[in-house]
Amino acid sequence: MPFAGNNVRSGDPFMLGIDADCSGDQTLTNAFVDVPNCSVTFNTPVANCTCIVTGSAYCESTTVSGSTQIQVRCVVDGSAQTGFIQFLGLTSGERASCARAWTFVLSAAGSHTIKLQAEKDANVGTYKVLASQTGITAFAFNGN
């Protein structure tokens, strides 16, 4: 839920928080796909807002093969950020809740879409991101 002032002007302090929870399990391939419903869209009234995003992923290795791992990334306005949530499931049925944070600057004012995408890093085994405990939270603020 956003919690920003209604009439934010260029020099005014600004802060927004918004989150979304995963809406369904995602069986992964070796190409990044959007995690269901783990996407937030919001407007910043000013340029150069700092953004902190936390992502969590409840990962499962249903059938394993070698050292395949799940990678979850943060994508901001179509560009992947550096760093992944990673899960290496070496045992069938293994599950873990994994998380990380990303910090970056939104250089332009206006609409921004931030989402989580996931893949397995090899085309073997069955690996999933489960809906339970998977989500995204974003905070954006300016330095005034």
C-alpha atoms as a PDB file:
ATOM      1  CA  MET A   1       0.000   0.000   0.000  1.00  0.00           C
ATOM      2  CA  PRO A   2       1.498   3.376  -0.963  1.00  0.00           C
ATOM      3  CA  PHE A   3       1.896   5.966   1.769  1.00  0.00           C
ATOM      4  CA  ALA A   4       3.006   9.141   0.054  1.00  0.00           C
ATOM      5  CA  GLY A   5       1.768  12.710   0.425  1.00  0.00           C
ATOM      6  CA  ASN A   6      -0.921  13.813  -2.025  1.00  0.00           C
ATOM      7  CA  ASN A   7       0.671  17.074  -3.188  1.00  0.00           C
ATOM      8  CA  VAL A   8       4.405  16.421  -3.315  1.00  0.00           C
ATOM      9  CA  ARG A   9       6.352  19.215  -4.981  1.00  0.00           C
ATOM     10  CA  SER A  10       9.867  19.023  -6.400  1.00  0.00           C
ATOM     11  CA  GLY A  11      11.654  20.086  -3.179  1.00  0.00           C
ATOM     12  CA  ASP A  12       9.367  18.306  -0.713  1.00  0.00           C
ATOM     13  CA  PRO A  13      10.377  15.163   1.143  1.00  0.00           C
ATOM     14  CA  PHE A  14       8.865  12.062  -0.410  1.00  0.00           C
ATOM     15  CA  MET A  15       8.548   8.456   0.757  1.00  0.00           C
ATOM     16  CA  LEU A  16       6.576   5.548  -0.628  1.00  0.00           C
ATOM     17  CA  GLY A  17       6.273   1.903   0.393  1.00  0.00           C
ATOM     18  CA  ILE A  18       4.528  -0.810  -1.601  1.00  0.00           C
ATOM     19  CA  ASP A  19       4.527  -4.618  -1.611  1.00  0.00           C
ATOM     20  CA  ALA A  20       3.105  -7.654  -3.415  1.00  0.00           C
ATOM     21  CA  ASP A  21       2.870 -11.338  -2.545  1.00  0.00           C
ATOM     22  CA  CYS A  22       3.333 -14.200  -4.985  1.00  0.00           C
ATOM     23  CA  SER A  23       0.024 -15.542  -6.306  1.00  0.00           C
ATOM     24  CA  GLY A  24       1.050 -19.049  -7.431  1.00  0.00           C
ATOM     25  CA  ASP A  25       3.836 -21.615  -7.560  1.00  0.00           C
ATOM     26  CA  GLN A  26       6.236 -21.248 -10.500  1.00  0.00           C
ATOM     27  CA  THR A  27       8.021 -24.273 -12.000  1.00  0.00           C
ATOM     28  CA  LEU A  28      11.275 -22.941 -13.404  1.00  0.00           C
ATOM     29  CA  THR A  29      13.113 -23.342 -16.699  1.00  0.00           C
ATOM     30  CA  ASN A  30      16.625 -22.225 -17.533  1.00  0.00           C
ATOM     31  CA  ALA A  31      15.348 -18.812 -18.662  1.00  0.00           C
ATOM     32  CA  PHE A  32      14.177 -16.013 -16.394  1.00  0.00           C
ATOM     33  CA  VAL A  33      10.381 -15.718 -16.008  1.00  0.00           C
ATOM     34  CA  ASP A  34       8.290 -13.335 -13.934  1.00  0.00           C
ATOM     35  CA  VAL A  35       7.395 -14.638 -10.477  1.00  0.00           C
ATOM     36  CA  PRO A  36       3.547 -14.549 -10.393  1.00  0.00           C
ATOM     37  CA  ASN A  37       2.258 -11.247  -8.947  1.00  0.00           C
ATOM     38  CA  CYS A  38       5.699 -10.218  -7.587  1.00  0.00           C
ATOM     39  CA  SER A  39       5.569  -6.866  -9.318  1.00  0.00           C
ATOM     40  CA  VAL A  40       4.927  -3.353  -8.039  1.00  0.00           C
ATOM     41  CA  THR A  41       4.303  -0.196 -10.060  1.00  0.00           C
ATOM     42  CA  PHE A  42       4.370   3.280  -8.570  1.00  0.00           C
ATOM     43  CA  ASN A  43       5.068   6.913  -9.437  1.00  0.00           C
ATOM     44  CA  THR A  44       7.851   9.074  -8.054  1.00  0.00           C
ATOM     45  CA  PRO A  45       7.137  12.799  -8.233  1.00  0.00           C
ATOM     46  CA  VAL A  46      10.823  13.719  -8.388  1.00  0.00           C
ATOM     47  CA  ALA A  47      13.978  12.358 -10.042  1.00  0.00           C
ATOM     48  CA  ASN A  48      16.861  10.671  -8.216  1.00  0.00           C
ATOM     49  CA  CYS A  49      14.844   8.893  -5.554  1.00  0.00           C
ATOM     50  CA  THR A  50      16.688   6.197  -3.633  1.00  0.00           C
ATOM     51  CA  CYS A  51      14.935   2.841  -3.760  1.00  0.00           C
ATOM     52  CA  ILE A  52      15.419  -0.138  -1.466  1.00  0.00           C
ATOM     53  CA  VAL A  53      13.826  -3.413  -2.572  1.00  0.00           C
ATOM     54  CA  THR A  54      13.616  -6.581  -0.533  1.00  0.00           C
ATOM     55  CA  GLY A  55      12.739  -9.835  -2.202  1.00  0.00           C
ATOM     56  CA  SER A  56      12.008 -13.193  -0.626  1.00  0.00           C
ATOM     57  CA  ALA A  57      11.573 -16.527  -2.371  1.00  0.00           C
ATOM     58  CA  TYR A  58      10.418 -19.840  -0.930  1.00  0.00           C
ATOM     59  CA  CYS A  59      12.380 -22.282  -3.087  1.00  0.00           C
ATOM     60  CA  GLU A  60      11.955 -26.025  -3.593  1.00  0.00           C
ATOM     61  CA  SER A  61      14.010 -28.705  -5.311  1.00  0.00           C
ATOM     62  CA  THR A  62      11.407 -31.329  -6.307  1.00  0.00           C
ATOM     63  CA  THR A  63      13.806 -33.531  -8.271  1.00  0.00           C
ATOM     64  CA  VAL A  64      17.475 -32.645  -8.223  1.00  0.00           C
ATOM     65  CA  SER A  65      20.223 -32.899 -10.769  1.00  0.00           C
ATOM     66  CA  GLY A  66      23.822 -32.066  -9.929  1.00  0.00           C
ATOM     67  CA  SER A  67      24.410 -28.593  -8.574  1.00  0.00           C
ATOM     68  CA  THR A  68      21.532 -26.773 -10.264  1.00  0.00           C
ATOM     69  CA  GLN A  69      20.465 -23.682  -8.376  1.00  0.00           C
ATOM     70  CA  ILE A  70      17.549 -21.278  -8.371  1.00  0.00           C
ATOM     71  CA  GLN A  71      18.364 -17.635  -9.064  1.00  0.00           C
ATOM     72  CA  VAL A  72      15.890 -14.818  -8.406  1.00  0.00           C
ATOM     73  CA  ARG A  73      16.672 -11.334  -9.652  1.00  0.00           C
ATOM     74  CA  CYS A  74      15.210  -7.853  -9.295  1.00  0.00           C
ATOM     75  CA  VAL A  75      14.217  -6.080 -12.524  1.00  0.00           C
ATOM     76  CA  VAL A  76      13.668  -2.310 -12.497  1.00  0.00           C
ATOM     77  CA  ASP A  77      11.964  -0.728 -15.491  1.00  0.00           C
ATOM     78  CA  GLY A  78      13.180  -3.612 -17.664  1.00  0.00           C
ATOM     79  CA  SER A  79      16.792  -3.657 -16.400  1.00  0.00           C
ATOM     80  CA  ALA A  80      18.099  -6.443 -14.164  1.00  0.00           C
ATOM     81  CA  GLN A  81      19.875  -5.310 -11.019  1.00  0.00           C
ATOM     82  CA  THR A  82      23.171  -6.809  -9.875  1.00  0.00           C
ATOM     83  CA  GLY A  83      22.931  -9.770  -7.498  1.00  0.00           C
ATOM     84  CA  PHE A  84      20.603 -12.718  -6.988  1.00  0.00           C
ATOM     85  CA  ILE A  85      18.646 -14.546  -4.355  1.00  0.00           C
ATOM     86  CA  GLN A  86      20.196 -18.018  -4.694  1.00  0.00           C
ATOM     87  CA  PHE A  87      19.102 -21.486  -3.577  1.00  0.00           C
ATOM     88  CA  LEU A  88      21.084 -24.678  -4.129  1.00  0.00           C
ATOM     89  CA  GLY A  89      18.845 -27.672  -3.435  1.00  0.00           C
ATOM     90  CA  LEU A  90      20.911 -30.849  -3.317  1.00  0.00           C
ATOM     91  CA  THR A  91      18.166 -33.130  -1.962  1.00  0.00           C
ATOM     92  CA  SER A  92      14.763 -33.868  -3.514  1.00  0.00           C
ATOM     93  CA  GLY A  93      12.054 -32.146  -1.497  1.00  0.00           C
ATOM     94  CA  GLU A  94      14.431 -29.632   0.046  1.00  0.00           C
ATOM     95  CA  ARG A  95      12.903 -26.192   0.717  1.00  0.00           C
ATOM     96  CA  ALA A  96      14.254 -22.909   2.013  1.00  0.00           C
ATOM     97  CA  SER A  97      13.102 -19.330   2.326  1.00  0.00           C
ATOM     98  CA  CYS A  98      15.796 -17.072   0.855  1.00  0.00           C
ATOM     99  CA  ALA A  99      15.995 -13.276   0.715  1.00  0.00           C
ATOM    100  CA  ARG A 100      18.132 -10.293  -0.205  1.00  0.00           C
ATOM    101  CA  ALA A 101      17.925  -6.530  -0.709  1.00  0.00           C
ATOM    102  CA  TRP A 102      18.853  -4.262  -3.600  1.00  0.00           C
ATOM    103  CA  THR A 103      19.538  -0.502  -3.367  1.00  0.00           C
ATOM    104  CA  PHE A 104      19.608   1.815  -6.380  1.00  0.00           C
ATOM    105  CA  VAL A 105      18.584   5.270  -7.594  1.00  0.00           C
ATOM    106  CA  LEU A 106      15.541   5.901  -9.784  1.00  0.00           C
ATOM    107  CA  SER A 107      17.051   8.586 -12.014  1.00  0.00           C
ATOM    108  CA  ALA A 108      13.766   9.787 -13.536  1.00  0.00           C
ATOM    109  CA  ALA A 109      10.500  10.964 -12.039  1.00  0.00           C
ATOM    110  CA  GLY A 110       7.351   9.126 -13.121  1.00  0.00           C
ATOM    111  CA  SER A 111       6.146   5.548 -13.322  1.00  0.00           C
ATOM    112  CA  HIS A 112       8.411   2.676 -12.284  1.00  0.00           C
ATOM    113  CA  THR A 113       7.826  -1.087 -12.344  1.00  0.00           C
ATOM    114  CA  ILE A 114       9.908  -3.374 -10.158  1.00  0.00           C
ATOM    115  CA  LYS A 115       9.521  -7.143 -10.252  1.00  0.00           C
ATOM    116  CA  LEU A 116      11.114 -10.442  -9.337  1.00  0.00           C
ATOM    117  CA  GLN A 117      12.111 -12.973 -11.987  1.00  0.00           C
ATOM    118  CA  ALA A 118      13.403 -16.504 -11.403  1.00  0.00           C
ATOM    119  CA  GLU A 119      15.202 -19.274 -13.270  1.00  0.00           C
ATOM    120  CA  LYS A 120      17.131 -22.461 -12.635  1.00  0.00           C
ATOM    121  CA  ASP A 121      20.674 -22.165 -13.938  1.00  0.00           C
ATOM    122  CA  ALA A 122      20.620 -25.457 -15.879  1.00  0.00           C
ATOM    123  CA  ASN A 123      17.909 -27.250 -17.837  1.00  0.00           C
ATOM    124  CA  VAL A 124      17.801 -30.292 -15.532  1.00  0.00           C
ATOM    125  CA  GLY A 125      15.753 -31.323 -12.492  1.00  0.00           C
ATOM    126  CA  THR A 126      12.518 -29.790 -11.245  1.00  0.00           C
ATOM    127  CA  TYR A 127      12.848 -26.614  -9.215  1.00  0.00           C
ATOM    128  CA  LYS A 128      10.097 -24.242  -8.075  1.00  0.00           C
ATOM    129  CA  VAL A 129       9.494 -20.913  -6.425  1.00  0.00           C
ATOM    130  CA  LEU A 130       6.491 -21.468  -4.160  1.00  0.00           C
ATOM    131  CA  ALA A 131       3.794 -18.869  -3.469  1.00  0.00           C
ATOM    132  CA  SER A 132       4.077 -19.154   0.305  1.00  0.00           C
ATOM    133  CA  GLN A 133       6.630 -16.690   1.745  1.00  0.00           C
ATOM    134  CA  THR A 134       7.521 -15.252  -1.689  1.00  0.00           C
ATOM    135  CA  GLY A 135       7.122 -11.522  -2.196  1.00  0.00           C
ATOM    136  CA  ILE A 136       8.574  -8.118  -2.964  1.00  0.00           C
ATOM    137  CA  THR A 137       8.635  -4.858  -0.986  1.00  0.00           C
ATOM    138  CA  ALA A 138       9.884  -1.530  -2.336  1.00  0.00           C
ATOM    139  CA  PHE A 139      10.595   1.735  -0.570  1.00  0.00           C
ATOM    140  CA  ALA A 140      11.382   4.907  -2.524  1.00  0.00           C
ATOM    141  CA  PHE A 141      12.369   8.229  -1.006  1.00  0.00           C
ATOM    142  CA  ASN A 142      14.237  11.419  -1.813  1.00  0.00           C
ATOM    143  CA  GLY A 143      16.946  12.938   0.337  1.00  0.00           C
ATOM    144  CA  ASN A 144      15.146  16.147   1.273  1.00  0.00           C
END
